[in-house]
Amino acid sequence: MKKHPSIRQVKYAYGIMNESKTKQQIALESGFSPSTARVPQLIENKLGFKLAVAQLAGEMGNVAMKLMYELQARDMSKMSDRDLLYSLDVISKTHERFTSKLL
């Protein structure tokens, strides 16, 4: 499994999380070709992009988004939706308990 996203994938992930521009504009500014920028799914369906979003979401404290993209990157498609939602719920509640005590 790929361990690190490319610089372009990180820039694109950061851009869609923080910019109010179109995905095509963000992709072009991140260094993707015009033909790739016109079809955001070409970027967003890649493992590197999913890892980049998971990393950025973790840094921003967005546990739900981090978990979702981490699970996508690890291809958890064999897990039922019920199990995934249960896992997300447990992790979110745990994160909430820890962060509320730190503040």
C-alpha atoms as a PDB file:
ATOM      1  CA  MET A   1       0.000   0.000   0.000  1.00  0.00           C
ATOM      2  CA  LYS A   2       1.203   3.478  -0.853  1.00  0.00           C
ATOM      3  CA  LYS A   3       2.419   5.239   2.274  1.00  0.00           C
ATOM      4  CA  HIS A   4       2.580   8.881   1.188  1.00  0.00           C
ATOM      5  CA  PRO A   5       0.453  11.098  -1.044  1.00  0.00           C
ATOM      6  CA  SER A   6       2.123  13.214  -3.715  1.00  0.00           C
ATOM      7  CA  ILE A   7       2.640  16.934  -3.191  1.00  0.00           C
ATOM      8  CA  ARG A   8      -0.046  17.636  -5.809  1.00  0.00           C
ATOM      9  CA  GLN A   9      -2.520  15.377  -4.003  1.00  0.00           C
ATOM     10  CA  VAL A  10      -1.852  17.116  -0.680  1.00  0.00           C
ATOM     11  CA  LYS A  11      -2.270  20.559  -2.281  1.00  0.00           C
ATOM     12  CA  TYR A  12      -5.511  19.476  -3.930  1.00  0.00           C
ATOM     13  CA  ALA A  13      -6.886  17.942  -0.707  1.00  0.00           C
ATOM     14  CA  TYR A  14      -5.975  21.072   1.245  1.00  0.00           C
ATOM     15  CA  GLY A  15      -7.534  23.252  -1.438  1.00  0.00           C
ATOM     16  CA  ILE A  16     -10.888  21.517  -1.495  1.00  0.00           C
ATOM     17  CA  MET A  17     -11.054  21.620   2.291  1.00  0.00           C
ATOM     18  CA  ASN A  18     -10.101  25.277   2.606  1.00  0.00           C
ATOM     19  CA  GLU A  19     -10.781  27.164  -0.616  1.00  0.00           C
ATOM     20  CA  SER A  20     -14.001  28.479  -2.115  1.00  0.00           C
ATOM     21  CA  LYS A  21     -12.816  27.820  -5.673  1.00  0.00           C
ATOM     22  CA  THR A  22     -13.987  25.143  -8.074  1.00  0.00           C
ATOM     23  CA  LYS A  23     -12.340  21.745  -7.970  1.00  0.00           C
ATOM     24  CA  GLN A  24     -10.987  22.390 -11.459  1.00  0.00           C
ATOM     25  CA  GLN A  25      -9.313  25.643 -10.354  1.00  0.00           C
ATOM     26  CA  ILE A  26      -7.830  23.950  -7.304  1.00  0.00           C
ATOM     27  CA  ALA A  27      -6.547  21.021  -9.385  1.00  0.00           C
ATOM     28  CA  LEU A  28      -4.858  23.388 -11.848  1.00  0.00           C
ATOM     29  CA  GLU A  29      -3.273  25.382  -9.011  1.00  0.00           C
ATOM     30  CA  SER A  30      -2.088  22.110  -7.463  1.00  0.00           C
ATOM     31  CA  GLY A  31      -0.190  21.223 -10.615  1.00  0.00           C
ATOM     32  CA  PHE A  32      -2.536  18.800 -12.357  1.00  0.00           C
ATOM     33  CA  SER A  33      -2.927  18.932 -16.128  1.00  0.00           C
ATOM     34  CA  PRO A  34      -5.974  20.667 -17.611  1.00  0.00           C
ATOM     35  CA  SER A  35      -7.391  17.335 -18.817  1.00  0.00           C
ATOM     36  CA  THR A  36      -7.120  15.827 -15.317  1.00  0.00           C
ATOM     37  CA  ALA A  37      -8.456  18.995 -13.694  1.00  0.00           C
ATOM     38  CA  ARG A  38     -11.659  18.755 -15.765  1.00  0.00           C
ATOM     39  CA  VAL A  39     -12.450  15.352 -14.195  1.00  0.00           C
ATOM     40  CA  PRO A  40     -11.911  15.619 -10.409  1.00  0.00           C
ATOM     41  CA  GLN A  41     -12.739  11.930  -9.932  1.00  0.00           C
ATOM     42  CA  LEU A  42      -9.412  11.094 -11.611  1.00  0.00           C
ATOM     43  CA  ILE A  43      -7.732  12.716  -8.620  1.00  0.00           C
ATOM     44  CA  GLU A  44     -10.212  11.865  -5.881  1.00  0.00           C
ATOM     45  CA  ASN A  45     -10.397   8.150  -6.628  1.00  0.00           C
ATOM     46  CA  LYS A  46      -6.657   7.689  -6.068  1.00  0.00           C
ATOM     47  CA  LEU A  47      -5.294   6.225  -2.860  1.00  0.00           C
ATOM     48  CA  GLY A  48      -2.848   9.108  -2.450  1.00  0.00           C
ATOM     49  CA  PHE A  49      -5.660  11.655  -2.381  1.00  0.00           C
ATOM     50  CA  LYS A  50      -7.561   9.657   0.231  1.00  0.00           C
ATOM     51  CA  LEU A  51      -4.444   9.449   2.382  1.00  0.00           C
ATOM     52  CA  ALA A  52      -3.888  13.202   1.991  1.00  0.00           C
ATOM     53  CA  VAL A  53      -7.444  13.967   3.140  1.00  0.00           C
ATOM     54  CA  ALA A  54      -7.090  11.571   6.070  1.00  0.00           C
ATOM     55  CA  GLN A  55      -3.839  13.253   7.146  1.00  0.00           C
ATOM     56  CA  LEU A  56      -5.230  16.773   6.818  1.00  0.00           C
ATOM     57  CA  ALA A  57      -8.460  15.862   8.583  1.00  0.00           C
ATOM     58  CA  GLY A  58      -6.459  14.380  11.434  1.00  0.00           C
ATOM     59  CA  GLU A  59      -4.418  17.557  11.739  1.00  0.00           C
ATOM     60  CA  MET A  60      -7.622  19.611  11.768  1.00  0.00           C
ATOM     61  CA  GLY A  61      -9.219  17.393  14.409  1.00  0.00           C
ATOM     62  CA  ASN A  62     -11.968  16.175  12.093  1.00  0.00           C
ATOM     63  CA  VAL A  63     -12.114  12.599  13.320  1.00  0.00           C
ATOM     64  CA  ALA A  64     -15.118  11.578  11.234  1.00  0.00           C
ATOM     65  CA  MET A  65     -13.536  12.691   7.962  1.00  0.00           C
ATOM     66  CA  LYS A  66     -10.198  11.161   8.885  1.00  0.00           C
ATOM     67  CA  LEU A  67     -11.795   7.823   9.642  1.00  0.00           C
ATOM     68  CA  MET A  68     -13.876   7.845   6.469  1.00  0.00           C
ATOM     69  CA  TYR A  69     -10.914   8.486   4.181  1.00  0.00           C
ATOM     70  CA  GLU A  70      -8.623   6.189   6.142  1.00  0.00           C
ATOM     71  CA  LEU A  71     -11.123   3.368   5.717  1.00  0.00           C
ATOM     72  CA  GLN A  72     -11.441   4.130   2.000  1.00  0.00           C
ATOM     73  CA  ALA A  73      -7.673   4.072   1.635  1.00  0.00           C
ATOM     74  CA  ARG A  74      -7.523   0.702   3.372  1.00  0.00           C
ATOM     75  CA  ASP A  75     -10.363  -0.656   1.195  1.00  0.00           C
ATOM     76  CA  MET A  76     -12.741  -1.562   3.950  1.00  0.00           C
ATOM     77  CA  SER A  77     -15.409  -2.361   1.377  1.00  0.00           C
ATOM     78  CA  LYS A  78     -15.806  -5.822   2.884  1.00  0.00           C
ATOM     79  CA  MET A  79     -17.065  -4.350   6.172  1.00  0.00           C
ATOM     80  CA  SER A  80     -20.784  -3.754   6.480  1.00  0.00           C
ATOM     81  CA  ASP A  81     -22.081  -0.202   6.689  1.00  0.00           C
ATOM     82  CA  ARG A  82     -23.371  -1.007  10.163  1.00  0.00           C
ATOM     83  CA  ASP A  83     -19.900  -2.004  11.377  1.00  0.00           C
ATOM     84  CA  LEU A  84     -18.308   1.070   9.798  1.00  0.00           C
ATOM     85  CA  LEU A  85     -20.865   3.397  11.376  1.00  0.00           C
ATOM     86  CA  TYR A  86     -20.443   1.712  14.752  1.00  0.00           C
ATOM     87  CA  SER A  87     -16.664   2.156  14.510  1.00  0.00           C
ATOM     88  CA  LEU A  88     -17.089   5.793  13.559  1.00  0.00           C
ATOM     89  CA  ASP A  89     -19.443   6.372  16.484  1.00  0.00           C
ATOM     90  CA  VAL A  90     -17.063   4.797  19.000  1.00  0.00           C
ATOM     91  CA  ILE A  91     -14.060   6.734  17.718  1.00  0.00           C
ATOM     92  CA  SER A  92     -15.975  10.028  17.634  1.00  0.00           C
ATOM     93  CA  LYS A  93     -17.192   9.597  21.207  1.00  0.00           C
ATOM     94  CA  THR A  94     -13.714   8.681  22.395  1.00  0.00           C
ATOM     95  CA  HIS A  95     -12.215  11.718  20.667  1.00  0.00           C
ATOM     96  CA  GLU A  96     -14.903  13.943  22.156  1.00  0.00           C
ATOM     97  CA  ARG A  97     -14.183  12.707  25.685  1.00  0.00           C
ATOM     98  CA  PHE A  98     -10.457  13.321  25.371  1.00  0.00           C
ATOM     99  CA  THR A  99     -10.688  16.744  23.736  1.00  0.00           C
ATOM    100  CA  SER A 100     -13.346  18.048  26.126  1.00  0.00           C
ATOM    101  CA  LYS A 101     -11.069  17.230  29.079  1.00  0.00           C
ATOM    102  CA  LEU A 102      -8.107  18.962  27.452  1.00  0.00           C
ATOM    103  CA  LEU A 103      -9.989  22.233  26.920  1.00  0.00           C
END
